[in-house]
Amino acid sequence: MFDYELIHKDGLTSARRGRFTTHHGAIELPTFMPVGTRGTVKGVEIDPLLATGTQVILGNTYHLMTRPGEDIVRDLGGLHEFSGWPGPMLTDSGGFQLFSLAKLTRITEQGAVFRSHVDGRLMELSPERSVEIQEALGSDIAMVLDHVVALPNERTVLEDAMERTIRWARRCQEAHKRQDQTQFAIVQGGLEYDLRRRCAEELAAMDFRGYAIGGLSVGEEPCQMYDCLDATVPHLPDNKPRYLMGVGRPEDLLEGIKRGVDMFDCVMPSRNGRNAMAFTDFGPVRLRNACHERDRRPLEPDCPCPACRRSRGYLHHLFQTNEMLGPILLTIHNITYYQRLMARARHAIEQDSFLEFYTERMNHWQAGNEP
């Protein structure tokens, strides 16, 4: 059931047009996955989310195990029935949240012992426990538990975390039981190219259904991330999906696609939308700025989203008066923008014109001048 099909490869870059089939439908690649951390993309109901062009959403093991608990999600029919989302779903393993959120985390070979950021209770997350939780949640794609560390960092710390990530990946693979769920492994290694290459090669030998590149966008410069992708992606299997975790800006998505990445997720379109920033073809628009007060224009004239059926002046008004509709509309617009960008990238790859599309987009974003 879990099959990857390479439909076309761009003639001038490493960009790939593919398709990954799951029990809840096929995912056209490359794709962007909105983050529904706690079982919902904040402020957006299912039908408007489907209308954005979203194919797959992401949920998070750490947050769902703390509230409401994976047993409650399981007893209410699993994450699809619980949330109402009909399409494919991916769950993160909780590794990044152990790094970024949990208090007093202690990492051992067995797993992580930490205090919940919600109520301070002592909890444990091992590779086997992460698999157990994700199988109870019932996502289509489950991520293995990895060891994430901050960047920059000492090589000894990066190598230790990378080697533990490999060992944990094997334990996750051995613990996996659910046949209607598949696992993706995660490549770690910081900004050390040889560590990334070694991790990618050892995980590839384990024959997972897909491979993620983790531990980036945690403090390094964008150019460092791109160089790291250059050193990593060629060592991942051609016949499996490649997923860059937690990234990012529209520019980062196209840089990743250019290098052969297929899947992305990030809170940026929803979080920035809640904070009055809209993504457009000519760069970000900050709708709290007074210059929009009497602006009759839509955010983008060719965008089909409900926000673009209103004026910028109206959207400005919603944020100035703290109306909840403002964050909802801008979240929908931003996710629509990301999905339209992915659809255009897929078309460009099919036409062997991705480099032209990439160059045109980068030039517009850098110029930042609207017509």
Protein backbone atom coordinates (compact mmCIF):
# COMPACT_ATOMS: atom_id res chain seq x y z
CA MET A 1 0.00 0.00 0.00
CA PHE A 2 2.79 2.45 0.86
CA ASP A 3 4.32 3.03 -2.56
CA TYR A 4 6.52 5.82 -3.91
CA GLU A 5 6.36 6.61 -7.62
CA LEU A 6 8.87 8.88 -9.30
CA ILE A 7 6.84 10.55 -12.04
CA HIS A 8 9.42 12.94 -13.46
CA LYS A 9 12.81 14.42 -12.63
CA ASP A 10 13.65 17.97 -13.66
CA GLY A 11 16.26 18.18 -16.40
CA LEU A 12 18.42 20.93 -14.87
CA THR A 13 18.07 20.42 -11.10
CA SER A 14 17.50 17.57 -8.66
CA ALA A 15 13.82 18.52 -8.27
CA ARG A 16 11.46 15.51 -8.38
CA ARG A 17 7.78 15.10 -9.19
CA GLY A 18 6.54 12.08 -7.31
CA ARG A 19 3.59 10.43 -5.62
CA PHE A 20 3.39 8.57 -2.30
CA THR A 21 0.36 6.36 -1.71
CA THR A 22 -1.10 5.76 1.76
CA HIS A 23 -4.24 4.10 3.13
CA HIS A 24 -5.94 7.52 3.23
CA GLY A 25 -4.99 8.55 -0.30
CA ALA A 26 -2.10 9.55 -2.52
CA ILE A 27 0.16 12.51 -1.77
CA GLU A 28 1.34 14.44 -4.81
CA LEU A 29 4.97 15.47 -4.32
CA PRO A 30 6.55 17.87 -3.62
CA THR A 31 4.10 18.89 -0.91
CA PHE A 32 3.78 21.11 2.14
CA MET A 33 2.14 19.76 5.32
CA PRO A 34 0.41 22.28 7.62
CA VAL A 35 1.06 21.61 11.28
CA GLY A 36 -1.93 20.40 13.30
CA THR A 37 0.05 19.88 16.48
CA ARG A 38 -2.81 19.01 18.82
CA GLY A 39 -5.13 17.49 16.22
CA THR A 40 -6.08 20.78 14.56
CA VAL A 41 -4.53 23.42 12.36
CA LYS A 42 -5.26 26.36 14.64
CA GLY A 43 -8.45 28.21 13.70
CA VAL A 44 -9.15 26.31 10.46
CA GLU A 45 -11.99 23.82 10.03
CA ILE A 46 -11.67 20.81 7.74
CA ASP A 47 -13.53 22.05 4.65
CA PRO A 48 -11.63 25.37 4.42
CA LEU A 49 -8.39 23.45 4.97
CA LEU A 50 -9.21 21.06 2.13
CA ALA A 51 -10.03 24.07 -0.06
CA THR A 52 -6.46 25.35 0.38
CA GLY A 53 -5.17 22.33 -1.53
CA THR A 54 -3.74 20.67 1.55
CA GLN A 55 -3.20 16.93 1.07
CA VAL A 56 -1.63 15.83 4.35
CA ILE A 57 -1.37 17.33 7.83
CA LEU A 58 1.00 16.76 10.71
CA GLY A 59 0.20 15.92 14.32
CA ASN A 60 2.61 15.68 17.20
CA THR A 61 3.23 12.73 19.50
CA TYR A 62 4.54 14.79 22.42
CA HIS A 63 1.58 17.15 22.56
CA LEU A 64 -1.06 14.47 22.01
CA MET A 65 0.43 12.17 24.65
CA THR A 66 0.30 15.00 27.19
CA ARG A 67 -3.20 16.16 26.20
CA PRO A 68 -5.63 14.46 25.77
CA GLY A 69 -3.53 11.27 25.89
CA GLU A 70 -3.14 8.75 23.08
CA ASP A 71 -5.57 6.35 24.77
CA ILE A 72 -8.37 8.91 24.49
CA VAL A 73 -7.58 9.55 20.82
CA ARG A 74 -7.54 5.79 20.18
CA ASP A 75 -10.84 5.25 21.99
CA LEU A 76 -12.43 8.04 19.93
CA GLY A 77 -11.52 6.32 16.67
CA GLY A 78 -7.94 7.38 16.07
CA LEU A 79 -6.57 10.70 14.88
CA HIS A 80 -8.52 10.76 11.60
CA GLU A 81 -11.93 10.25 13.20
CA PHE A 82 -10.97 12.29 16.26
CA SER A 83 -10.04 15.35 14.17
CA GLY A 84 -12.30 14.82 11.16
CA TRP A 85 -9.41 14.96 8.67
CA PRO A 86 -10.09 12.49 5.81
CA GLY A 87 -6.68 12.52 4.13
CA PRO A 88 -3.20 11.25 5.00
CA MET A 89 -1.68 12.22 8.35
CA LEU A 90 1.89 12.20 9.61
CA THR A 91 2.89 12.21 13.27
CA ASP A 92 6.21 13.51 14.52
CA SER A 93 7.94 11.32 17.09
CA GLY A 94 8.22 13.91 19.84
CA GLY A 95 12.00 14.19 19.55
CA PHE A 96 12.02 17.86 18.61
CA GLN A 97 9.66 18.81 21.43
CA LEU A 98 11.90 17.03 23.94
CA PHE A 99 14.62 19.38 22.70
CA SER A 100 12.53 22.56 22.54
CA LEU A 101 9.70 22.36 25.10
CA ALA A 102 10.00 19.78 27.82
CA LYS A 103 11.46 20.82 31.17
CA LEU A 104 14.39 19.00 32.76
CA THR A 105 14.85 16.50 29.94
CA ARG A 106 17.40 13.77 30.62
CA ILE A 107 18.48 11.66 27.64
CA THR A 108 19.77 8.14 28.22
CA GLU A 109 20.27 5.22 25.89
CA GLN A 110 16.90 3.88 26.98
CA GLY A 111 15.06 7.10 26.05
CA ALA A 112 14.10 10.47 27.48
CA VAL A 113 12.85 11.24 30.96
CA PHE A 114 11.26 14.66 31.24
CA ARG A 115 8.74 16.82 33.01
CA SER A 116 5.70 17.84 30.99
CA HIS A 117 5.58 21.51 30.04
CA VAL A 118 1.82 21.34 30.76
CA ASP A 119 1.66 20.16 34.38
CA GLY A 120 5.20 19.23 35.38
CA ARG A 121 4.50 15.50 35.78
CA LEU A 122 7.35 13.08 35.14
CA MET A 123 7.06 11.28 31.81
CA GLU A 124 9.16 8.95 29.69
CA LEU A 125 9.52 8.60 25.94
CA SER A 126 11.58 5.74 24.54
CA PRO A 127 11.72 4.58 20.91
CA GLU A 128 9.29 1.79 21.74
CA ARG A 129 6.96 4.12 23.61
CA SER A 130 6.97 6.61 20.70
CA VAL A 131 5.96 3.80 18.34
CA GLU A 132 3.25 2.64 20.75
CA ILE A 133 1.78 6.14 21.00
CA GLN A 134 1.82 6.73 17.24
CA GLU A 135 0.20 3.37 16.57
CA ALA A 136 -2.56 4.32 19.03
CA LEU A 137 -2.97 7.68 17.25
CA GLY A 138 -3.29 5.85 13.93
CA SER A 139 -1.42 8.19 11.61
CA ASP A 140 -0.46 7.00 8.13
CA ILE A 141 3.19 7.97 8.53
CA ALA A 142 4.99 7.68 11.88
CA MET A 143 8.41 9.18 12.51
CA VAL A 144 11.08 7.31 14.45
CA LEU A 145 12.30 8.87 17.68
CA ASP A 146 15.50 10.86 17.14
CA HIS A 147 17.92 12.75 19.36
CA VAL A 148 17.88 16.46 18.48
CA VAL A 149 20.57 18.83 19.74
CA ALA A 150 21.11 22.56 19.30
CA LEU A 151 23.23 24.11 16.56
CA PRO A 152 26.03 25.04 16.54
CA ASN A 153 27.45 22.34 18.78
CA GLU A 154 30.61 20.37 19.47
CA ARG A 155 31.33 17.52 17.09
CA THR A 156 31.40 14.98 19.92
CA VAL A 157 27.86 16.01 20.95
CA LEU A 158 26.62 15.82 17.33
CA GLU A 159 28.22 12.44 16.72
CA ASP A 160 26.80 10.99 19.94
CA ALA A 161 23.28 12.20 19.05
CA MET A 162 23.62 10.93 15.48
CA GLU A 163 24.72 7.45 16.56
CA ARG A 164 21.93 7.28 19.15
CA THR A 165 19.45 8.31 16.45
CA ILE A 166 20.56 5.33 14.34
CA ARG A 167 20.22 2.91 17.26
CA TRP A 168 16.83 4.32 18.18
CA ALA A 169 15.67 4.01 14.56
CA ARG A 170 16.40 0.29 14.62
CA ARG A 171 14.49 -0.09 17.89
CA CYS A 172 11.53 1.78 16.40
CA GLN A 173 11.62 -0.50 13.37
CA GLU A 174 11.66 -3.60 15.57
CA ALA A 175 8.76 -2.29 17.71
CA HIS A 176 6.56 -1.46 14.72
CA LYS A 177 3.46 -3.66 14.41
CA ARG A 178 0.65 -1.74 12.70
CA GLN A 179 0.40 -2.68 9.00
CA ASP A 180 -1.67 0.33 7.94
CA GLN A 181 1.01 2.69 9.25
CA THR A 182 4.52 3.13 7.90
CA GLN A 183 7.69 4.62 9.38
CA PHE A 184 10.12 7.26 8.17
CA ALA A 185 13.65 7.45 9.60
CA ILE A 186 15.36 10.76 10.48
CA VAL A 187 18.89 11.76 9.50
CA GLN A 188 20.85 13.70 12.13
CA GLY A 189 24.43 14.93 12.31
CA GLY A 190 24.26 18.69 12.74
CA LEU A 191 26.34 20.65 10.23
CA GLU A 192 29.01 17.96 10.01
CA TYR A 193 28.69 16.70 6.44
CA ASP A 194 30.45 13.37 7.03
CA LEU A 195 28.16 12.62 9.97
CA ARG A 196 25.09 13.42 7.87
CA ARG A 197 26.37 11.19 5.08
CA ARG A 198 27.13 8.31 7.47
CA CYS A 199 23.73 8.61 9.14
CA ALA A 200 21.94 8.70 5.77
CA GLU A 201 23.79 5.65 4.49
CA GLU A 202 23.24 3.57 7.64
CA LEU A 203 19.54 4.42 7.78
CA ALA A 204 19.14 3.75 4.05
CA ALA A 205 20.50 0.25 4.62
CA MET A 206 17.60 -0.37 7.05
CA ASP A 207 15.09 0.10 4.18
CA PHE A 208 12.56 2.47 5.73
CA ARG A 209 9.64 3.66 3.58
CA GLY A 210 10.88 7.25 3.66
CA TYR A 211 13.64 9.44 5.04
CA ALA A 212 13.55 12.76 6.83
CA ILE A 213 16.31 15.29 7.34
CA GLY A 214 16.00 16.56 10.91
CA GLY A 215 17.85 18.83 13.27
CA LEU A 216 17.97 21.81 10.92
CA SER A 217 16.34 25.25 11.16
CA VAL A 218 17.39 25.31 14.83
CA GLY A 219 19.70 28.32 14.75
CA GLU A 220 21.97 27.88 11.74
CA GLU A 221 22.09 30.26 8.76
CA PRO A 222 19.98 29.33 5.70
CA CYS A 223 23.11 28.89 3.58
CA GLN A 224 24.42 26.36 6.12
CA MET A 225 21.18 24.42 5.88
CA TYR A 226 21.37 24.38 2.07
CA ASP A 227 24.98 23.16 2.16
CA CYS A 228 23.92 20.44 4.59
CA LEU A 229 21.18 19.35 2.20
CA ASP A 230 23.73 19.20 -0.63
CA ALA A 231 25.82 16.86 1.51
CA THR A 232 22.89 14.68 2.65
CA VAL A 233 20.23 14.25 -0.03
CA PRO A 234 22.47 12.43 -2.58
CA HIS A 235 22.96 9.65 -0.02
CA LEU A 236 19.23 9.01 0.45
CA PRO A 237 17.46 6.40 -1.72
CA ASP A 238 16.05 7.64 -5.03
CA ASN A 239 12.97 5.43 -4.66
CA LYS A 240 11.78 6.80 -1.30
CA PRO A 241 10.22 10.12 -0.22
CA ARG A 242 12.54 12.73 1.32
CA TYR A 243 11.21 15.03 4.01
CA LEU A 244 12.87 18.20 5.36
CA MET A 245 11.45 18.69 8.84
CA GLY A 246 10.36 22.04 10.27
CA VAL A 247 11.19 24.16 7.21
CA GLY A 248 10.15 26.84 6.50
CA ARG A 249 10.04 30.04 4.46
CA PRO A 250 8.81 29.89 0.84
CA GLU A 251 12.42 30.42 -0.26
CA ASP A 252 13.52 27.44 1.82
CA LEU A 253 10.90 25.21 0.22
CA LEU A 254 12.11 25.97 -3.28
CA GLU A 255 15.76 25.57 -2.23
CA GLY A 256 14.85 22.17 -0.80
CA ILE A 257 12.89 21.09 -3.88
CA LYS A 258 15.81 22.15 -6.08
CA ARG A 259 17.97 19.71 -4.13
CA GLY A 260 15.54 16.78 -4.35
CA VAL A 261 13.39 17.16 -1.22
CA ASP A 262 9.75 16.05 -1.52
CA MET A 263 7.99 16.98 1.74
CA PHE A 264 8.01 19.92 4.14
CA ASP A 265 6.22 21.06 7.28
CA CYS A 266 6.38 24.26 9.29
CA VAL A 267 4.22 26.35 11.64
CA MET A 268 5.24 29.50 9.77
CA PRO A 269 2.16 30.01 7.52
CA SER A 270 -0.29 29.49 10.38
CA ARG A 271 1.71 31.22 13.13
CA ASN A 272 2.55 34.22 10.96
CA GLY A 273 -1.06 34.39 9.81
CA ARG A 274 -2.23 34.62 13.41
CA ASN A 275 0.20 37.51 13.82
CA ALA A 276 -1.04 39.56 10.83
CA MET A 277 1.65 38.60 8.31
CA ALA A 278 0.60 37.38 4.87
CA PHE A 279 2.81 35.60 2.34
CA THR A 280 2.53 36.84 -1.26
CA ASP A 281 4.40 36.52 -4.54
CA PHE A 282 6.13 39.81 -3.76
CA GLY A 283 7.11 39.04 -0.21
CA PRO A 284 5.42 39.41 3.18
CA VAL A 285 2.61 41.88 3.82
CA ARG A 286 2.26 43.07 7.43
CA LEU A 287 -1.37 43.96 7.85
CA ARG A 288 -1.08 45.81 11.15
CA ASN A 289 0.81 48.58 9.33
CA ALA A 290 -1.17 51.82 9.00
CA CYS A 291 -0.51 51.99 5.24
CA HIS A 292 -3.21 49.32 4.74
CA GLU A 293 -5.98 51.23 6.50
CA ARG A 294 -7.61 52.52 3.28
CA ASP A 295 -6.15 49.97 0.86
CA ARG A 296 -8.88 48.56 -1.41
CA ARG A 297 -6.67 45.91 -2.98
CA PRO A 298 -6.81 42.21 -2.12
CA LEU A 299 -3.68 40.56 -0.82
CA GLU A 300 -3.30 38.85 -4.20
CA PRO A 301 -5.73 39.36 -7.09
CA ASP A 302 -5.49 35.78 -8.40
CA CYS A 303 -5.72 34.00 -5.04
CA PRO A 304 -9.00 32.05 -4.55
CA CYS A 305 -8.94 32.13 -0.74
CA PRO A 306 -11.65 33.93 1.29
CA ALA A 307 -9.16 36.48 2.65
CA CYS A 308 -8.49 37.68 -0.89
CA ARG A 309 -12.20 38.36 -1.43
CA ARG A 310 -11.80 41.19 1.10
CA SER A 311 -9.71 44.33 0.95
CA ARG A 312 -6.45 44.81 2.76
CA GLY A 313 -8.17 47.62 4.60
CA TYR A 314 -10.76 45.21 5.98
CA LEU A 315 -8.11 42.71 7.04
CA HIS A 316 -6.18 45.54 8.71
CA HIS A 317 -9.36 46.48 10.58
CA LEU A 318 -9.86 42.91 11.85
CA PHE A 319 -6.41 42.85 13.41
CA GLN A 320 -6.67 46.36 14.83
CA THR A 321 -9.90 45.40 16.62
CA ASN A 322 -8.66 41.92 17.66
CA GLU A 323 -11.47 40.19 15.77
CA MET A 324 -10.87 36.44 15.64
CA LEU A 325 -11.76 36.35 11.93
CA GLY A 326 -8.49 38.12 11.08
CA PRO A 327 -6.16 35.30 12.20
CA ILE A 328 -8.50 32.71 10.66
CA LEU A 329 -8.58 34.39 7.26
CA LEU A 330 -4.85 35.04 7.17
CA THR A 331 -4.02 31.48 8.23
CA ILE A 332 -6.19 30.20 5.36
CA HIS A 333 -4.53 32.63 2.94
CA ASN A 334 -1.00 31.63 3.96
CA ILE A 335 -1.68 27.91 3.72
CA THR A 336 -3.34 28.50 0.34
CA TYR A 337 -0.26 30.42 -0.76
CA TYR A 338 2.05 27.56 0.25
CA GLN A 339 -0.14 24.98 -1.50
CA ARG A 340 -0.36 27.05 -4.68
CA LEU A 341 3.43 27.41 -4.60
CA MET A 342 3.77 23.62 -4.33
CA ALA A 343 1.30 23.07 -7.19
CA ARG A 344 3.26 25.50 -9.39
CA ALA A 345 6.51 23.75 -8.46
CA ARG A 346 5.04 20.36 -9.40
CA HIS A 347 3.91 21.73 -12.77
CA ALA A 348 7.30 23.33 -13.41
CA ILE A 349 9.10 20.05 -12.70
CA GLU A 350 6.81 18.21 -15.11
CA GLN A 351 7.66 20.80 -17.79
CA ASP A 352 11.43 20.66 -17.09
CA SER A 353 11.24 24.34 -16.20
CA PHE A 354 11.79 24.27 -12.45
CA LEU A 355 15.02 26.29 -12.60
CA GLU A 356 13.21 29.04 -14.51
CA PHE A 357 10.36 28.98 -11.98
CA TYR A 358 12.82 29.00 -9.05
CA THR A 359 14.76 31.96 -10.48
CA GLU A 360 11.61 33.97 -11.20
CA ARG A 361 10.25 33.40 -7.68
CA MET A 362 13.53 34.25 -5.97
CA ASN A 363 13.88 37.46 -7.97
CA HIS A 364 10.37 38.60 -7.06
CA TRP A 365 10.78 37.81 -3.37
CA GLN A 366 14.14 39.58 -3.22
CA ALA A 367 12.87 42.65 -5.06
CA GLY A 368 9.77 42.86 -2.88
CA ASN A 369 8.10 45.43 -5.17
CA GLU A 370 4.44 44.99 -5.97
CA PRO A 371 3.15 46.10 -9.39
